[in-house]
């Protein structure tokens, strides 16, 4: 045995990890019953984000989500969003100055496409200016 092997064996023995001291694990049998506890998956788990009406119709998607960084700062009163740290915390108005227009349009477009709309509700304590 080389010096290096002797040192390694000594270290393993000192830490209790010598190969002769390692216990063998008992065999374990795992049985999976794929028929047990079956239930329907909620259809709202299958959806898309920010899809147009035509895309929702083509995909037959049950849910259309409006969410993410920008939507968590949506100011419905000014119809504006803030781009967060991604773009220097700049606020941008949407194309219409009508309060809530962006959310209202998203909801009507989603419904026209046969999907349930899901909107992010700003709750972080500040919104776009």
N, C-alpha and C. Protein backbone atom coordinates (compact mmCIF):
# COMPACT_ATOMS: atom_id res chain seq x y z
N UNK A 1 0.84 -1.17 0.00
CA UNK A 1 0.00 0.00 0.00
C UNK A 1 0.89 1.24 0.00
N UNK A 2 0.52 2.25 -0.79
CA UNK A 2 1.32 3.47 -0.87
C UNK A 2 1.04 4.35 0.34
N UNK A 3 1.90 5.36 0.52
CA UNK A 3 1.70 6.30 1.63
C UNK A 3 0.35 7.01 1.51
N UNK A 4 0.01 7.37 0.29
CA UNK A 4 -1.24 8.07 0.07
C UNK A 4 -2.42 7.19 0.45
N UNK A 5 -2.40 5.92 0.07
CA UNK A 5 -3.47 4.99 0.40
C UNK A 5 -3.55 4.79 1.91
N UNK A 6 -2.39 4.71 2.57
CA UNK A 6 -2.38 4.54 4.01
C UNK A 6 -2.98 5.76 4.71
N UNK A 7 -2.64 6.97 4.21
CA UNK A 7 -3.19 8.20 4.81
C UNK A 7 -4.71 8.24 4.62
N UNK A 8 -5.19 7.89 3.41
CA UNK A 8 -6.61 7.88 3.13
C UNK A 8 -7.33 6.86 4.02
N UNK A 9 -6.76 5.65 4.16
CA UNK A 9 -7.36 4.63 5.02
C UNK A 9 -7.39 5.11 6.46
N UNK A 10 -6.32 5.79 6.89
CA UNK A 10 -6.27 6.32 8.26
C UNK A 10 -7.34 7.38 8.48
N UNK A 11 -7.53 8.27 7.48
CA UNK A 11 -8.55 9.31 7.61
C UNK A 11 -9.95 8.70 7.65
N UNK A 12 -10.20 7.72 6.79
CA UNK A 12 -11.50 7.07 6.79
C UNK A 12 -11.77 6.37 8.11
N UNK A 13 -10.76 5.70 8.63
CA UNK A 13 -10.91 4.99 9.91
C UNK A 13 -11.15 5.98 11.04
N UNK A 14 -10.46 7.12 11.00
CA UNK A 14 -10.60 8.12 12.05
C UNK A 14 -11.98 8.77 12.03
N UNK A 15 -12.56 8.90 10.87
CA UNK A 15 -13.88 9.53 10.77
C UNK A 15 -15.01 8.50 10.84
N UNK A 16 -14.67 7.25 10.96
CA UNK A 16 -15.67 6.21 11.05
C UNK A 16 -16.23 5.81 9.70
N UNK A 17 -15.55 6.19 8.62
CA UNK A 17 -16.05 5.90 7.29
C UNK A 17 -15.27 4.79 6.60
N UNK A 18 -14.54 4.02 7.34
CA UNK A 18 -13.79 2.92 6.72
C UNK A 18 -14.76 1.99 6.03
N UNK A 19 -14.34 1.46 4.91
CA UNK A 19 -15.25 0.64 4.10
C UNK A 19 -15.78 -0.56 4.86
N UNK A 20 -15.03 -1.07 5.78
CA UNK A 20 -15.51 -2.23 6.54
C UNK A 20 -16.57 -1.82 7.55
N UNK A 21 -16.62 -0.52 7.90
CA UNK A 21 -17.58 -0.06 8.90
C UNK A 21 -18.90 0.35 8.27
N UNK A 22 -18.97 0.45 6.95
CA UNK A 22 -20.21 0.87 6.31
C UNK A 22 -21.24 -0.25 6.37
N UNK A 23 -22.44 0.11 6.80
CA UNK A 23 -23.51 -0.88 6.91
C UNK A 23 -24.18 -1.07 5.55
N UNK A 24 -24.66 -2.24 5.33
CA UNK A 24 -25.40 -2.53 4.11
C UNK A 24 -26.88 -2.22 4.36
N UNK A 25 -27.50 -1.54 3.40
CA UNK A 25 -28.92 -1.23 3.53
C UNK A 25 -29.74 -2.45 3.14
N UNK A 26 -30.83 -2.63 3.86
CA UNK A 26 -31.74 -3.72 3.54
C UNK A 26 -32.45 -3.40 2.23
N UNK A 27 -32.81 -4.41 1.49
CA UNK A 27 -33.53 -4.22 0.23
C UNK A 27 -34.89 -3.59 0.51
N UNK A 28 -35.27 -2.67 -0.33
CA UNK A 28 -36.55 -1.98 -0.18
C UNK A 28 -37.38 -2.23 -1.43
N UNK A 29 -38.64 -2.54 -1.24
CA UNK A 29 -39.55 -2.74 -2.35
C UNK A 29 -40.58 -1.61 -2.34
N UNK A 30 -40.74 -0.96 -3.47
CA UNK A 30 -41.72 0.13 -3.59
C UNK A 30 -42.78 -0.31 -4.59
N UNK A 31 -44.02 -0.23 -4.18
CA UNK A 31 -45.12 -0.59 -5.07
C UNK A 31 -45.91 0.68 -5.40
N UNK A 32 -46.19 0.89 -6.67
CA UNK A 32 -46.96 2.05 -7.12
C UNK A 32 -48.27 1.57 -7.71
N UNK A 33 -49.35 2.07 -7.15
CA UNK A 33 -50.67 1.72 -7.67
C UNK A 33 -51.19 2.95 -8.42
N UNK A 34 -51.09 2.93 -9.74
CA UNK A 34 -51.49 4.07 -10.56
C UNK A 34 -52.98 4.32 -10.53
N UNK A 35 -53.76 3.34 -10.09
CA UNK A 35 -55.21 3.50 -10.05
C UNK A 35 -55.68 4.06 -8.70
N UNK A 36 -54.83 4.15 -7.72
CA UNK A 36 -55.22 4.61 -6.39
C UNK A 36 -55.26 6.14 -6.35
N UNK A 37 -56.26 6.66 -5.70
CA UNK A 37 -56.35 8.10 -5.48
C UNK A 37 -56.49 8.93 -6.74
N UNK A 38 -57.07 8.38 -7.77
CA UNK A 38 -57.21 9.12 -9.04
C UNK A 38 -58.27 10.19 -8.91
N UNK A 39 -58.01 11.32 -9.56
CA UNK A 39 -58.99 12.39 -9.60
C UNK A 39 -58.75 13.22 -10.86
N UNK A 40 -59.75 13.94 -11.25
CA UNK A 40 -59.65 14.76 -12.45
C UNK A 40 -58.73 15.95 -12.18
N UNK A 41 -57.90 16.26 -13.16
CA UNK A 41 -57.04 17.43 -13.05
C UNK A 41 -57.87 18.66 -13.38
N UNK A 42 -57.77 19.69 -12.56
CA UNK A 42 -58.50 20.92 -12.79
C UNK A 42 -58.15 21.48 -14.16
N UNK A 43 -59.12 21.71 -15.03
CA UNK A 43 -58.82 22.17 -16.40
C UNK A 43 -58.15 23.54 -16.44
N UNK A 44 -58.26 24.31 -15.35
CA UNK A 44 -57.63 25.64 -15.36
C UNK A 44 -56.11 25.58 -15.28
N UNK A 45 -55.57 24.39 -15.04
CA UNK A 45 -54.12 24.26 -15.02
C UNK A 45 -53.55 24.32 -16.44
N UNK A 46 -54.41 24.00 -17.41
CA UNK A 46 -53.99 24.04 -18.81
C UNK A 46 -54.40 25.37 -19.41
N UNK A 47 -53.46 26.23 -19.65
CA UNK A 47 -53.78 27.53 -20.19
C UNK A 47 -52.57 28.17 -20.83
N UNK A 48 -52.74 29.41 -21.22
CA UNK A 48 -51.69 30.18 -21.87
C UNK A 48 -51.63 31.55 -21.22
N UNK A 49 -50.65 32.33 -21.60
CA UNK A 49 -50.51 33.68 -21.07
C UNK A 49 -50.50 34.68 -22.20
N UNK A 50 -51.29 35.72 -22.04
CA UNK A 50 -51.35 36.86 -22.97
C UNK A 50 -51.70 36.43 -24.40
N UNK A 51 -52.55 35.44 -24.55
CA UNK A 51 -52.91 34.97 -25.89
C UNK A 51 -53.98 35.86 -26.51
N UNK A 52 -53.92 36.01 -27.81
CA UNK A 52 -54.93 36.74 -28.56
C UNK A 52 -56.16 35.86 -28.73
N UNK A 53 -57.28 36.48 -29.05
CA UNK A 53 -58.54 35.75 -29.21
C UNK A 53 -58.42 34.61 -30.22
N UNK A 54 -57.81 34.88 -31.37
CA UNK A 54 -57.67 33.84 -32.40
C UNK A 54 -56.80 32.67 -31.91
N UNK A 55 -55.77 32.97 -31.14
CA UNK A 55 -54.91 31.91 -30.60
C UNK A 55 -55.67 31.05 -29.60
N UNK A 56 -56.48 31.70 -28.77
CA UNK A 56 -57.27 30.94 -27.79
C UNK A 56 -58.24 30.01 -28.49
N UNK A 57 -58.86 30.49 -29.56
CA UNK A 57 -59.80 29.66 -30.31
C UNK A 57 -59.07 28.50 -30.99
N UNK A 58 -57.91 28.79 -31.58
CA UNK A 58 -57.16 27.74 -32.28
C UNK A 58 -56.65 26.67 -31.31
N UNK A 59 -56.25 27.08 -30.13
CA UNK A 59 -55.69 26.15 -29.15
C UNK A 59 -56.75 25.50 -28.26
N UNK A 60 -57.95 26.07 -28.26
CA UNK A 60 -59.00 25.63 -27.36
C UNK A 60 -58.52 25.67 -25.92
N UNK A 61 -57.79 26.72 -25.59
CA UNK A 61 -57.22 26.88 -24.24
C UNK A 61 -58.33 27.30 -23.27
N UNK A 62 -58.42 26.66 -22.11
CA UNK A 62 -59.48 27.00 -21.17
C UNK A 62 -59.17 28.23 -20.31
N UNK A 63 -57.90 28.66 -20.29
CA UNK A 63 -57.51 29.76 -19.41
C UNK A 63 -56.51 30.67 -20.12
N UNK A 64 -56.67 31.97 -19.93
CA UNK A 64 -55.73 32.95 -20.46
C UNK A 64 -55.28 33.81 -19.28
N UNK A 65 -53.99 33.83 -19.02
CA UNK A 65 -53.45 34.51 -17.85
C UNK A 65 -52.77 35.81 -18.24
N UNK A 66 -53.07 36.84 -17.49
CA UNK A 66 -52.36 38.11 -17.58
C UNK A 66 -51.62 38.25 -16.26
N UNK A 67 -50.33 37.99 -16.29
CA UNK A 67 -49.58 38.03 -15.04
C UNK A 67 -48.11 38.20 -15.28
N UNK A 68 -47.36 38.48 -14.23
CA UNK A 68 -45.92 38.67 -14.32
C UNK A 68 -45.51 40.00 -13.72
N UNK A 69 -44.23 40.31 -13.84
CA UNK A 69 -43.70 41.52 -13.21
C UNK A 69 -44.48 42.78 -13.55
N UNK A 70 -44.69 43.04 -14.82
CA UNK A 70 -45.34 44.28 -15.21
C UNK A 70 -46.78 44.38 -14.72
N UNK A 71 -47.47 43.27 -14.71
CA UNK A 71 -48.87 43.31 -14.30
C UNK A 71 -49.02 43.44 -12.79
N UNK A 72 -47.99 43.11 -12.03
CA UNK A 72 -48.09 43.26 -10.57
C UNK A 72 -48.03 44.73 -10.16
N UNK A 73 -47.71 45.62 -11.10
CA UNK A 73 -47.68 47.06 -10.82
C UNK A 73 -48.69 47.82 -11.67
N UNK A 74 -49.65 47.11 -12.27
CA UNK A 74 -50.65 47.75 -13.12
C UNK A 74 -51.50 48.71 -12.31
N UNK A 75 -51.63 49.94 -12.78
CA UNK A 75 -52.45 50.97 -12.15
C UNK A 75 -53.69 51.13 -13.01
N UNK A 76 -54.80 50.57 -12.58
CA UNK A 76 -56.02 50.59 -13.39
C UNK A 76 -56.57 51.99 -13.53
N UNK A 77 -56.34 52.86 -12.54
CA UNK A 77 -56.87 54.22 -12.61
C UNK A 77 -56.19 55.04 -13.71
N UNK A 78 -54.91 54.76 -13.94
CA UNK A 78 -54.19 55.47 -15.00
C UNK A 78 -53.95 54.59 -16.22
N UNK A 79 -54.38 53.36 -16.15
CA UNK A 79 -54.18 52.39 -17.21
C UNK A 79 -52.70 52.38 -17.63
N UNK A 80 -51.83 52.15 -16.65
CA UNK A 80 -50.38 52.18 -16.87
C UNK A 80 -49.74 51.04 -16.11
N UNK A 81 -48.53 50.69 -16.53
CA UNK A 81 -47.76 49.65 -15.86
C UNK A 81 -46.33 50.12 -15.65
N UNK A 82 -45.67 49.52 -14.67
CA UNK A 82 -44.28 49.85 -14.38
C UNK A 82 -43.43 48.66 -14.79
N UNK A 83 -42.29 48.91 -15.41
CA UNK A 83 -41.45 47.82 -15.93
C UNK A 83 -40.44 47.30 -14.91
N UNK A 84 -40.56 47.70 -13.67
CA UNK A 84 -39.75 47.17 -12.58
C UNK A 84 -38.25 47.34 -12.84
N UNK A 85 -37.45 46.56 -12.17
CA UNK A 85 -36.00 46.67 -12.30
C UNK A 85 -35.51 46.27 -13.68
N UNK A 86 -36.35 45.53 -14.42
CA UNK A 86 -35.95 45.12 -15.77
C UNK A 86 -35.63 46.32 -16.64
N UNK A 87 -36.41 47.40 -16.45
CA UNK A 87 -36.23 48.61 -17.28
C UNK A 87 -36.26 49.85 -16.40
N UNK A 88 -35.43 49.89 -15.37
CA UNK A 88 -35.17 51.09 -14.58
C UNK A 88 -36.40 51.64 -13.89
N UNK A 89 -37.35 50.82 -13.57
CA UNK A 89 -38.57 51.20 -12.86
C UNK A 89 -39.34 52.30 -13.58
N UNK A 90 -39.33 52.26 -14.89
CA UNK A 90 -40.06 53.25 -15.68
C UNK A 90 -41.53 52.84 -15.80
N UNK A 91 -42.41 53.84 -15.70
CA UNK A 91 -43.84 53.60 -15.87
C UNK A 91 -44.25 53.99 -17.28
N UNK A 92 -45.11 53.18 -17.86
CA UNK A 92 -45.58 53.41 -19.22
C UNK A 92 -47.10 53.34 -19.26
N UNK A 93 -47.73 54.32 -19.88
CA UNK A 93 -49.18 54.23 -20.05
C UNK A 93 -49.52 53.25 -21.17
N UNK A 94 -50.67 52.60 -21.05
CA UNK A 94 -51.14 51.76 -22.14
C UNK A 94 -51.72 52.68 -23.23
N UNK A 95 -52.12 52.10 -24.35
CA UNK A 95 -52.53 52.91 -25.50
C UNK A 95 -53.78 53.75 -25.23
N UNK A 96 -54.62 53.34 -24.30
CA UNK A 96 -55.83 54.09 -23.97
C UNK A 96 -55.68 54.74 -22.61
N UNK A 97 -56.22 55.93 -22.47
CA UNK A 97 -56.20 56.62 -21.18
C UNK A 97 -57.42 56.27 -20.33
N UNK A 98 -58.31 55.45 -20.84
CA UNK A 98 -59.51 55.04 -20.12
C UNK A 98 -59.13 54.16 -18.93
N UNK A 99 -59.53 54.53 -17.71
CA UNK A 99 -59.18 53.71 -16.55
C UNK A 99 -59.65 52.27 -16.70
N UNK A 100 -58.75 51.34 -16.45
CA UNK A 100 -59.06 49.91 -16.47
C UNK A 100 -59.21 49.31 -17.85
N UNK A 101 -58.98 50.07 -18.90
CA UNK A 101 -59.21 49.56 -20.26
C UNK A 101 -58.38 48.33 -20.57
N UNK A 102 -57.15 48.29 -20.16
CA UNK A 102 -56.28 47.14 -20.45
C UNK A 102 -56.84 45.86 -19.86
N UNK A 103 -57.25 45.92 -18.60
CA UNK A 103 -57.84 44.75 -17.95
C UNK A 103 -59.17 44.37 -18.57
N UNK A 104 -60.01 45.37 -18.85
CA UNK A 104 -61.31 45.10 -19.46
C UNK A 104 -61.16 44.45 -20.82
N UNK A 105 -60.24 44.96 -21.64
CA UNK A 105 -60.01 44.39 -22.97
C UNK A 105 -59.48 42.96 -22.87
N UNK A 106 -58.58 42.73 -21.93
CA UNK A 106 -58.05 41.38 -21.75
C UNK A 106 -59.18 40.41 -21.41
N UNK A 107 -60.07 40.81 -20.52
CA UNK A 107 -61.18 39.95 -20.12
C UNK A 107 -62.10 39.68 -21.30
N UNK A 108 -62.49 40.72 -22.04
CA UNK A 108 -63.41 40.50 -23.16
C UNK A 108 -62.76 39.69 -24.28
N UNK A 109 -61.48 39.92 -24.56
CA UNK A 109 -60.78 39.14 -25.59
C UNK A 109 -60.65 37.66 -25.18
N UNK A 110 -60.38 37.42 -23.89
CA UNK A 110 -60.27 36.04 -23.40
C UNK A 110 -61.60 35.32 -23.54
N UNK A 111 -62.67 35.98 -23.12
CA UNK A 111 -64.00 35.37 -23.21
C UNK A 111 -64.41 35.12 -24.66
N UNK A 112 -64.06 36.06 -25.54
CA UNK A 112 -64.37 35.88 -26.96
C UNK A 112 -63.63 34.68 -27.54
N UNK A 113 -62.48 34.36 -26.97
CA UNK A 113 -61.70 33.21 -27.42
C UNK A 113 -62.10 31.92 -26.74
N UNK A 114 -63.11 31.97 -25.86
CA UNK A 114 -63.59 30.78 -25.17
C UNK A 114 -62.78 30.40 -23.94
N UNK A 115 -61.97 31.33 -23.43
CA UNK A 115 -61.13 31.04 -22.27
C UNK A 115 -61.56 31.89 -21.07
N UNK A 116 -61.31 31.35 -19.90
CA UNK A 116 -61.53 32.11 -18.68
C UNK A 116 -60.34 33.05 -18.48
N UNK A 117 -60.57 34.32 -18.19
CA UNK A 117 -59.45 35.23 -17.95
C UNK A 117 -58.96 35.13 -16.50
N UNK A 118 -57.67 35.27 -16.31
CA UNK A 118 -57.09 35.32 -14.97
C UNK A 118 -56.16 36.52 -14.92
N UNK A 119 -56.49 37.49 -14.08
CA UNK A 119 -55.72 38.72 -13.97
C UNK A 119 -54.92 38.75 -12.68
N UNK A 120 -53.73 39.32 -12.74
CA UNK A 120 -52.94 39.58 -11.55
C UNK A 120 -53.50 40.82 -10.86
N UNK A 121 -53.66 40.75 -9.56
CA UNK A 121 -54.14 41.89 -8.79
C UNK A 121 -52.95 42.48 -8.06
N UNK A 122 -52.63 43.77 -8.32
CA UNK A 122 -51.49 44.39 -7.64
C UNK A 122 -51.72 44.48 -6.13
N UNK A 123 -50.79 43.89 -5.37
CA UNK A 123 -50.91 43.90 -3.90
C UNK A 123 -49.57 44.19 -3.24
N UNK A 124 -48.61 44.73 -3.99
CA UNK A 124 -47.28 44.90 -3.43
C UNK A 124 -47.07 46.25 -2.76
N UNK A 125 -48.10 47.09 -2.73
CA UNK A 125 -47.99 48.36 -2.01
C UNK A 125 -47.67 49.55 -2.89
N UNK A 126 -47.41 49.34 -4.16
CA UNK A 126 -47.22 50.47 -5.06
C UNK A 126 -47.53 50.04 -6.48
N UNK A 127 -47.93 51.01 -7.29
CA UNK A 127 -48.27 50.75 -8.68
C UNK A 127 -47.63 51.82 -9.56
N UNK A 128 -47.78 51.68 -10.86
CA UNK A 128 -47.22 52.64 -11.81
C UNK A 128 -47.80 54.03 -11.57
N UNK A 129 -46.98 55.02 -11.83
CA UNK A 129 -47.44 56.42 -11.69
C UNK A 129 -47.81 56.99 -13.02
